[in-house]
PDB file of N, CA and C in Angstrom:
ATOM      1  N   MET A   1    -113.149 -38.246 -12.693  1.00  0.00           N
ATOM      2  CA  MET A   1    -112.170 -37.957 -12.521  1.00  0.00           C
ATOM      3  C   MET A   1    -111.826 -36.296 -11.279  1.00  0.00           C
ATOM      4  N   THR A   2    -110.571 -36.645 -10.645  1.00  0.00           N
ATOM      5  CA  THR A   2    -110.655 -35.583  -9.838  1.00  0.00           C
ATOM      6  C   THR A   2    -109.554 -34.602 -10.453  1.00  0.00           C
ATOM      7  N   ILE A   3    -109.721 -33.638 -10.014  1.00  0.00           N
ATOM      8  CA  ILE A   3    -107.786 -32.872 -10.866  1.00  0.00           C
ATOM      9  C   ILE A   3    -107.163 -32.592  -9.017  1.00  0.00           C
ATOM     10  N   ASP A   4    -106.158 -32.974  -9.426  1.00  0.00           N
ATOM     11  CA  ASP A   4    -104.966 -32.819  -8.702  1.00  0.00           C
ATOM     12  C   ASP A   4    -104.424 -31.599  -7.866  1.00  0.00           C
ATOM     13  N   PRO A   5    -104.903 -30.921  -6.286  1.00  0.00           N
ATOM     14  CA  PRO A   5    -104.313 -29.549  -6.402  1.00  0.00           C
ATOM     15  C   PRO A   5    -103.013 -29.014  -6.685  1.00  0.00           C
ATOM     16  N   ARG A   6    -102.812 -29.619  -6.614  1.00  0.00           N
ATOM     17  CA  ARG A   6    -100.941 -29.024  -6.904  1.00  0.00           C
ATOM     18  C   ARG A   6    -101.112 -28.788  -8.180  1.00  0.00           C
ATOM     19  N   ILE A   7    -101.996 -29.250  -9.194  1.00  0.00           N
ATOM     20  CA  ILE A   7    -101.638 -28.718 -10.609  1.00  0.00           C
ATOM     21  C   ILE A   7    -102.303 -27.060 -10.710  1.00  0.00           C
ATOM     22  N   ILE A   8    -103.563 -27.008  -9.584  1.00  0.00           N
ATOM     23  CA  ILE A   8    -104.269 -25.971  -9.377  1.00  0.00           C
ATOM     24  C   ILE A   8    -103.121 -24.964  -9.135  1.00  0.00           C
ATOM     25  N   GLN A   9    -102.483 -25.334  -8.349  1.00  0.00           N
ATOM     26  CA  GLN A   9    -101.424 -24.661  -6.995  1.00  0.00           C
ATOM     27  C   GLN A   9    -100.456 -23.859  -7.849  1.00  0.00           C
ATOM     28  N   ILE A  10    -100.158 -24.770  -9.327  1.00  0.00           N
ATOM     29  CA  ILE A  10     -99.038 -24.224  -9.462  1.00  0.00           C
ATOM     30  C   ILE A  10     -99.274 -23.670 -10.931  1.00  0.00           C
ATOM     31  N   SER A  11    -100.169 -23.528 -10.938  1.00  0.00           N
ATOM     32  CA  SER A  11    -101.371 -22.608 -12.275  1.00  0.00           C
ATOM     33  C   SER A  11    -101.604 -21.199 -11.748  1.00  0.00           C
ATOM     34  N   GLN A  12    -101.931 -21.582 -10.315  1.00  0.00           N
ATOM     35  CA  GLN A  12    -102.135 -20.078  -9.784  1.00  0.00           C
ATOM     36  C   GLN A  12    -100.957 -19.511  -9.534  1.00  0.00           C
ATOM     37  N   ILE A  13     -99.599 -19.869  -9.123  1.00  0.00           N
ATOM     38  CA  ILE A  13     -98.704 -19.572  -9.151  1.00  0.00           C
ATOM     39  C   ILE A  13     -97.958 -18.365 -10.576  1.00  0.00           C
ATOM     40  N   VAL A  14     -98.151 -19.723 -11.175  1.00  0.00           N
ATOM     41  CA  VAL A  14     -97.819 -18.995 -12.688  1.00  0.00           C
ATOM     42  C   VAL A  14     -98.816 -17.903 -12.989  1.00  0.00           C
ATOM     43  N   VAL A  15    -100.531 -17.622 -12.707  1.00  0.00           N
ATOM     44  CA  VAL A  15    -101.025 -17.042 -13.695  1.00  0.00           C
ATOM     45  C   VAL A  15    -100.188 -15.509 -12.069  1.00  0.00           C
ATOM     46  N   SER A  16    -100.105 -15.570 -11.043  1.00  0.00           N
ATOM     47  CA  SER A  16     -99.916 -14.441 -10.615  1.00  0.00           C
ATOM     48  C   SER A  16     -98.196 -14.407 -10.889  1.00  0.00           C
ATOM     49  N   VAL A  17     -97.320 -14.628 -11.137  1.00  0.00           N
ATOM     50  CA  VAL A  17     -96.040 -14.059 -11.949  1.00  0.00           C
ATOM     51  C   VAL A  17     -96.977 -13.120 -13.297  1.00  0.00           C
ATOM     52  N   LEU A  18     -97.292 -13.636 -13.931  1.00  0.00           N
ATOM     53  CA  LEU A  18     -97.805 -13.398 -15.062  1.00  0.00           C
ATOM     54  C   LEU A  18     -98.175 -11.781 -14.951  1.00  0.00           C
ATOM     55  N   LEU A  19     -98.869 -11.905 -13.843  1.00  0.00           N
ATOM     56  CA  LEU A  19    -100.320 -10.911 -13.692  1.00  0.00           C
ATOM     57  C   LEU A  19     -99.347  -9.823 -12.890  1.00  0.00           C
ATOM     58  N   ILE A  20     -98.197 -10.114 -12.561  1.00  0.00           N
ATOM     59  CA  ILE A  20     -97.634  -9.187 -11.575  1.00  0.00           C
ATOM     60  C   ILE A  20     -96.258  -8.526 -12.519  1.00  0.00           C
ATOM     61  N   ALA A  21     -95.806  -9.340 -13.849  1.00  0.00           N
ATOM     62  CA  ALA A  21     -95.327  -8.737 -14.927  1.00  0.00           C
ATOM     63  C   ALA A  21     -95.828  -8.201 -15.771  1.00  0.00           C
ATOM     64  N   VAL A  22     -97.394  -7.920 -15.569  1.00  0.00           N
ATOM     65  CA  VAL A  22     -97.902  -7.272 -16.646  1.00  0.00           C
ATOM     66  C   VAL A  22     -98.414  -5.651 -15.861  1.00  0.00           C
ATOM     67  N   ILE A  23     -99.005  -6.053 -14.694  1.00  0.00           N
ATOM     68  CA  ILE A  23     -98.860  -4.955 -14.395  1.00  0.00           C
ATOM     69  C   ILE A  23     -97.881  -3.806 -14.112  1.00  0.00           C
ATOM     70  N   LEU A  24     -96.568  -4.265 -13.935  1.00  0.00           N
ATOM     71  CA  LEU A  24     -94.857  -3.246 -14.205  1.00  0.00           C
ATOM     72  C   LEU A  24     -94.703  -3.347 -15.122  1.00  0.00           C
ATOM     73  N   LEU A  25     -95.521  -3.653 -16.486  1.00  0.00           N
ATOM     74  CA  LEU A  25     -95.315  -3.125 -17.548  1.00  0.00           C
ATOM     75  C   LEU A  25     -95.813  -2.073 -17.925  1.00  0.00           C
ATOM     76  N   GLN A  26     -96.987  -1.961 -17.701  1.00  0.00           N
ATOM     77  CA  GLN A  26     -98.383  -1.465 -17.916  1.00  0.00           C
ATOM     78  C   GLN A  26     -97.285   0.463 -17.881  1.00  0.00           C
ATOM     79  N   ASN A  27     -97.907   1.881 -18.309  1.00  0.00           N
ATOM     80  CA  ASN A  27     -97.749   2.774 -18.361  1.00  0.00           C
ATOM     81  C   ASN A  27     -97.396   3.420 -16.498  1.00  0.00           C
ATOM     82  N   ARG A  28     -96.430   3.806 -16.820  1.00  0.00           N
ATOM     83  CA  ARG A  28     -96.399   4.443 -15.036  1.00  0.00           C
ATOM     84  C   ARG A  28     -96.996   5.817 -14.855  1.00  0.00           C
ATOM     85  N   GLY A  29     -97.385   6.869 -15.402  1.00  0.00           N
ATOM     86  CA  GLY A  29     -97.503   8.127 -15.748  1.00  0.00           C
ATOM     87  C   GLY A  29     -99.229   7.749 -15.742  1.00  0.00           C
ATOM     88  N   THR A  30    -100.068   7.167 -15.533  1.00  0.00           N
ATOM     89  CA  THR A  30    -101.521   7.051 -15.467  1.00  0.00           C
ATOM     90  C   THR A  30    -101.779   6.899 -13.846  1.00  0.00           C
ATOM     91  N   GLY A  31    -101.204   7.633 -13.053  1.00  0.00           N
ATOM     92  CA  GLY A  31    -101.304   7.377 -11.265  1.00  0.00           C
ATOM     93  C   GLY A  31    -102.169   9.119 -11.303  1.00  0.00           C
ATOM     94  N   LEU A  32    -102.105   9.617 -10.120  1.00  0.00           N
ATOM     95  CA  LEU A  32    -102.411  10.935  -9.644  1.00  0.00           C
ATOM     96  C   LEU A  32    -102.043  11.987 -10.700  1.00  0.00           C
ATOM     97  N   SER A  33    -101.080  12.294 -11.698  1.00  0.00           N
ATOM     98  CA  SER A  33    -100.301  13.170 -12.167  1.00  0.00           C
ATOM     99  C   SER A  33    -101.334  14.437 -12.432  1.00  0.00           C
ATOM    100  N   GLY A  34    -102.794  13.371 -13.559  1.00  0.00           N
ATOM    101  CA  GLY A  34    -103.729  14.211 -13.613  1.00  0.00           C
ATOM    102  C   GLY A  34    -104.413  15.015 -12.777  1.00  0.00           C
ATOM    103  N   VAL A  35    -104.637  14.950 -12.106  1.00  0.00           N
ATOM    104  CA  VAL A  35    -105.049  15.302 -10.619  1.00  0.00           C
ATOM    105  C   VAL A  35    -104.100  17.328  -9.881  1.00  0.00           C
ATOM    106  N   PHE A  36    -102.582  16.554 -10.383  1.00  0.00           N
ATOM    107  CA  PHE A  36    -102.091  17.459 -10.558  1.00  0.00           C
ATOM    108  C   PHE A  36    -101.608  18.330 -11.544  1.00  0.00           C
ATOM    109  N   GLY A  37    -102.137  18.316 -12.864  1.00  0.00           N
ATOM    110  CA  GLY A  37    -102.007  18.854 -13.396  1.00  0.00           C
ATOM    111  C   GLY A  37    -100.963  18.365 -14.627  1.00  0.00           C
ATOM    112  N   GLY A  38    -100.114  16.970 -14.092  1.00  0.00           N
ATOM    113  CA  GLY A  38     -99.285  16.501 -15.235  1.00  0.00           C
ATOM    114  C   GLY A  38     -99.502  16.073 -16.689  1.00  0.00           C
ATOM    115  N   SER A  39    -101.137  15.915 -16.469  1.00  0.00           N
ATOM    116  CA  SER A  39    -101.410  14.828 -18.146  1.00  0.00           C
ATOM    117  C   SER A  39    -102.748  16.558 -18.641  1.00  0.00           C
ATOM    118  N   SER A  40    -102.417  16.641 -19.383  1.00  0.00           N
ATOM    119  CA  SER A  40    -103.200  17.685 -20.130  1.00  0.00           C
ATOM    120  C   SER A  40    -104.508  17.100 -20.559  1.00  0.00           C
ATOM    121  N   ASN A  41    -104.131  15.684 -21.052  1.00  0.00           N
ATOM    122  CA  ASN A  41    -105.025  14.911 -22.279  1.00  0.00           C
ATOM    123  C   ASN A  41    -105.388  14.024 -20.932  1.00  0.00           C
ATOM    124  N   VAL A  42    -106.598  14.138 -20.943  1.00  0.00           N
ATOM    125  CA  VAL A  42    -107.773  12.866 -19.192  1.00  0.00           C
ATOM    126  C   VAL A  42    -107.936  12.082 -19.687  1.00  0.00           C
ATOM    127  N   PHE A  43    -108.724  12.091 -21.217  1.00  0.00           N
ATOM    128  CA  PHE A  43    -109.085  10.775 -22.042  1.00  0.00           C
ATOM    129  C   PHE A  43    -108.408   9.905 -23.098  1.00  0.00           C
ATOM    130  N   GLN A  44    -107.633   9.493 -22.488  1.00  0.00           N
ATOM    131  CA  GLN A  44    -106.815   8.754 -24.235  1.00  0.00           C
ATOM    132  C   GLN A  44    -107.203   7.436 -23.744  1.00  0.00           C
ATOM    133  N   THR A  45    -107.144   6.922 -25.356  1.00  0.00           N
ATOM    134  CA  THR A  45    -107.717   5.992 -26.010  1.00  0.00           C
ATOM    135  C   THR A  45    -105.901   5.159 -25.588  1.00  0.00           C
ATOM    136  N   LYS A  46    -106.734   3.726 -25.688  1.00  0.00           N
ATOM    137  CA  LYS A  46    -105.300   2.553 -25.384  1.00  0.00           C
ATOM    138  C   LYS A  46    -105.427   2.074 -26.972  1.00  0.00           C
ATOM    139  N   ARG A  47    -103.801   2.467 -27.165  1.00  0.00           N
ATOM    140  CA  ARG A  47    -103.211   1.604 -28.842  1.00  0.00           C
ATOM    141  C   ARG A  47    -102.140   1.104 -28.337  1.00  0.00           C
ATOM    142  N   GLY A  48    -102.249   0.068 -29.235  1.00  0.00           N
ATOM    143  CA  GLY A  48    -100.905  -0.917 -29.624  1.00  0.00           C
ATOM    144  C   GLY A  48    -100.993  -1.990 -28.224  1.00  0.00           C
ATOM    145  N   VAL A  49     -99.126  -1.681 -27.471  1.00  0.00           N
ATOM    146  CA  VAL A  49     -99.317  -2.608 -27.054  1.00  0.00           C
ATOM    147  C   VAL A  49     -99.643  -2.297 -25.546  1.00  0.00           C
ATOM    148  N   GLU A  50    -100.322  -0.995 -25.231  1.00  0.00           N
ATOM    149  CA  GLU A  50    -100.976  -0.535 -23.972  1.00  0.00           C
ATOM    150  C   GLU A  50    -102.020  -1.200 -23.670  1.00  0.00           C
ATOM    151  N   LYS A  51    -103.292  -0.804 -25.408  1.00  0.00           N
ATOM    152  CA  LYS A  51    -104.007  -1.978 -25.184  1.00  0.00           C
ATOM    153  C   LYS A  51    -104.203  -3.671 -24.853  1.00  0.00           C
ATOM    154  N   VAL A  52    -103.411  -4.470 -25.453  1.00  0.00           N
ATOM    155  CA  VAL A  52    -102.665  -5.597 -25.148  1.00  0.00           C
ATOM    156  C   VAL A  52    -102.472  -5.786 -23.796  1.00  0.00           C
ATOM    157  N   LEU A  53    -101.428  -5.315 -23.180  1.00  0.00           N
ATOM    158  CA  LEU A  53    -101.106  -4.807 -21.650  1.00  0.00           C
ATOM    159  C   LEU A  53    -102.947  -5.035 -20.726  1.00  0.00           C
ATOM    160  N   PHE A  54    -103.720  -4.213 -20.937  1.00  0.00           N
ATOM    161  CA  PHE A  54    -104.486  -3.501 -20.762  1.00  0.00           C
ATOM    162  C   PHE A  54    -105.654  -4.881 -20.655  1.00  0.00           C
ATOM    163  N   LYS A  55    -105.791  -5.528 -21.682  1.00  0.00           N
ATOM    164  CA  LYS A  55    -106.611  -6.438 -21.737  1.00  0.00           C
ATOM    165  C   LYS A  55    -106.113  -8.121 -21.186  1.00  0.00           C
ATOM    166  N   ALA A  56    -105.020  -8.180 -21.239  1.00  0.00           N
ATOM    167  CA  ALA A  56    -104.059  -9.586 -20.669  1.00  0.00           C
ATOM    168  C   ALA A  56    -104.475  -9.380 -19.041  1.00  0.00           C
ATOM    169  N   THR A  57    -104.310  -8.140 -18.105  1.00  0.00           N
ATOM    170  CA  THR A  57    -104.189  -7.571 -17.441  1.00  0.00           C
ATOM    171  C   THR A  57    -105.863  -8.735 -16.658  1.00  0.00           C
ATOM    172  N   ILE A  58    -106.518  -7.497 -17.129  1.00  0.00           N
ATOM    173  CA  ILE A  58    -108.124  -8.746 -16.977  1.00  0.00           C
ATOM    174  C   ILE A  58    -108.549  -9.335 -16.929  1.00  0.00           C
ATOM    175  N   VAL A  59    -107.485 -10.604 -18.070  1.00  0.00           N
ATOM    176  CA  VAL A  59    -108.296 -11.602 -18.174  1.00  0.00           C
ATOM    177  C   VAL A  59    -106.618 -12.296 -17.240  1.00  0.00           C
ATOM    178  N   LEU A  60    -105.763 -11.867 -16.750  1.00  0.00           N
ATOM    179  CA  LEU A  60    -105.052 -12.921 -15.660  1.00  0.00           C
ATOM    180  C   LEU A  60    -105.884 -12.784 -13.795  1.00  0.00           C
ATOM    181  N   ALA A  61    -106.192 -11.305 -14.510  1.00  0.00           N
ATOM    182  CA  ALA A  61    -107.041 -11.034 -12.916  1.00  0.00           C
ATOM    183  C   ALA A  61    -108.266 -11.861 -12.803  1.00  0.00           C
ATOM    184  N   VAL A  62    -109.673 -11.769 -13.945  1.00  0.00           N
ATOM    185  CA  VAL A  62    -109.994 -13.301 -13.509  1.00  0.00           C
ATOM    186  C   VAL A  62    -109.815 -14.439 -13.425  1.00  0.00           C
ATOM    187  N   LEU A  63    -109.037 -15.191 -14.013  1.00  0.00           N
ATOM    188  CA  LEU A  63    -108.330 -16.277 -14.168  1.00  0.00           C
ATOM    189  C   LEU A  63    -107.794 -16.679 -13.110  1.00  0.00           C
ATOM    190  N   PHE A  64    -106.799 -16.117 -12.497  1.00  0.00           N
ATOM    191  CA  PHE A  64    -106.489 -16.037 -11.021  1.00  0.00           C
ATOM    192  C   PHE A  64    -107.890 -15.639  -9.884  1.00  0.00           C
ATOM    193  N   PHE A  65    -109.002 -15.299  -9.556  1.00  0.00           N
ATOM    194  CA  PHE A  65    -110.205 -15.604  -9.141  1.00  0.00           C
ATOM    195  C   PHE A  65    -110.573 -16.577  -9.495  1.00  0.00           C
ATOM    196  N   GLY A  66    -110.391 -17.123 -10.628  1.00  0.00           N
ATOM    197  CA  GLY A  66    -110.986 -18.423 -10.300  1.00  0.00           C
ATOM    198  C   GLY A  66    -110.667 -19.438 -10.414  1.00  0.00           C
ATOM    199  N   LEU A  67    -109.218 -19.262  -9.696  1.00  0.00           N
ATOM    200  CA  LEU A  67    -108.173 -20.515 -10.248  1.00  0.00           C
ATOM    201  C   LEU A  67    -108.666 -20.375  -8.221  1.00  0.00           C
ATOM    202  N   SER A  68    -108.982 -19.210  -8.052  1.00  0.00           N
ATOM    203  CA  SER A  68    -108.486 -19.324  -6.797  1.00  0.00           C
ATOM    204  C   SER A  68    -110.080 -19.860  -5.877  1.00  0.00           C
ATOM    205  N   ILE A  69    -110.700 -19.406  -6.645  1.00  0.00           N
ATOM    206  CA  ILE A  69    -112.763 -20.417  -6.315  1.00  0.00           C
ATOM    207  C   ILE A  69    -112.188 -21.895  -6.344  1.00  0.00           C
ATOM    208  N   ALA A  70    -111.626 -21.901  -7.901  1.00  0.00           N
ATOM    209  CA  ALA A  70    -111.515 -24.018  -7.517  1.00  0.00           C
ATOM    210  C   ALA A  70    -110.355 -24.173  -6.351  1.00  0.00           C
ATOM    211  N   ARG A  71    -109.562 -23.939  -6.142  1.00  0.00           N
ATOM    212  CA  ARG A  71    -108.996 -24.546  -5.144  1.00  0.00           C
ATOM    213  C   ARG A  71    -109.874 -24.283  -4.296  1.00  0.00           C
ATOM    214  N   LEU A  72    -110.847 -23.589  -3.903  1.00  0.00           N
ATOM    215  CA  LEU A  72    -111.558 -23.793  -2.307  1.00  0.00           C
ATOM    216  C   LEU A  72    -112.335 -24.853  -2.849  1.00  0.00           C
ATOM    217  N   PHE A  73    -112.894 -25.542  -3.727  1.00  0.00           N
ATOM    218  CA  PHE A  73    -113.786 -26.433  -3.739  1.00  0.00           C
ATOM    219  C   PHE A  73    -112.611 -28.074  -4.020  1.00  0.00           C
ATOM    220  N   VAL A  74    -111.467 -27.794  -4.740  1.00  0.00           N
ATOM    221  CA  VAL A  74    -110.861 -29.101  -4.857  1.00  0.00           C
ATOM    222  C   VAL A  74    -110.332 -29.093  -3.631  1.00  0.00           C
ATOM    223  N   SER A  75    -109.540 -28.228  -2.501  1.00  0.00           N
ATOM    224  CA  SER A  75    -108.545 -29.046  -1.436  1.00  0.00           C
ATOM    225  C   SER A  75    -109.828 -28.889  -0.235  1.00  0.00           C
TER     226      SER A  75
END
């Protein structure tokens, strides 16, 4: 049974678009603002939607990496 390379390519495009969307939806105040005193609470726990977006980012990044490796072996 062979896997069509187009299926992996389309899956990789879909995962990349979802990964971009999830990254853009994350909280924007977590950059260098802590270095310059913009945030007094350095160690915050992630709750609710922020935690879901964080975990979704990790899952989508691993999935994208896996699809990239699979694409090397299929094509």
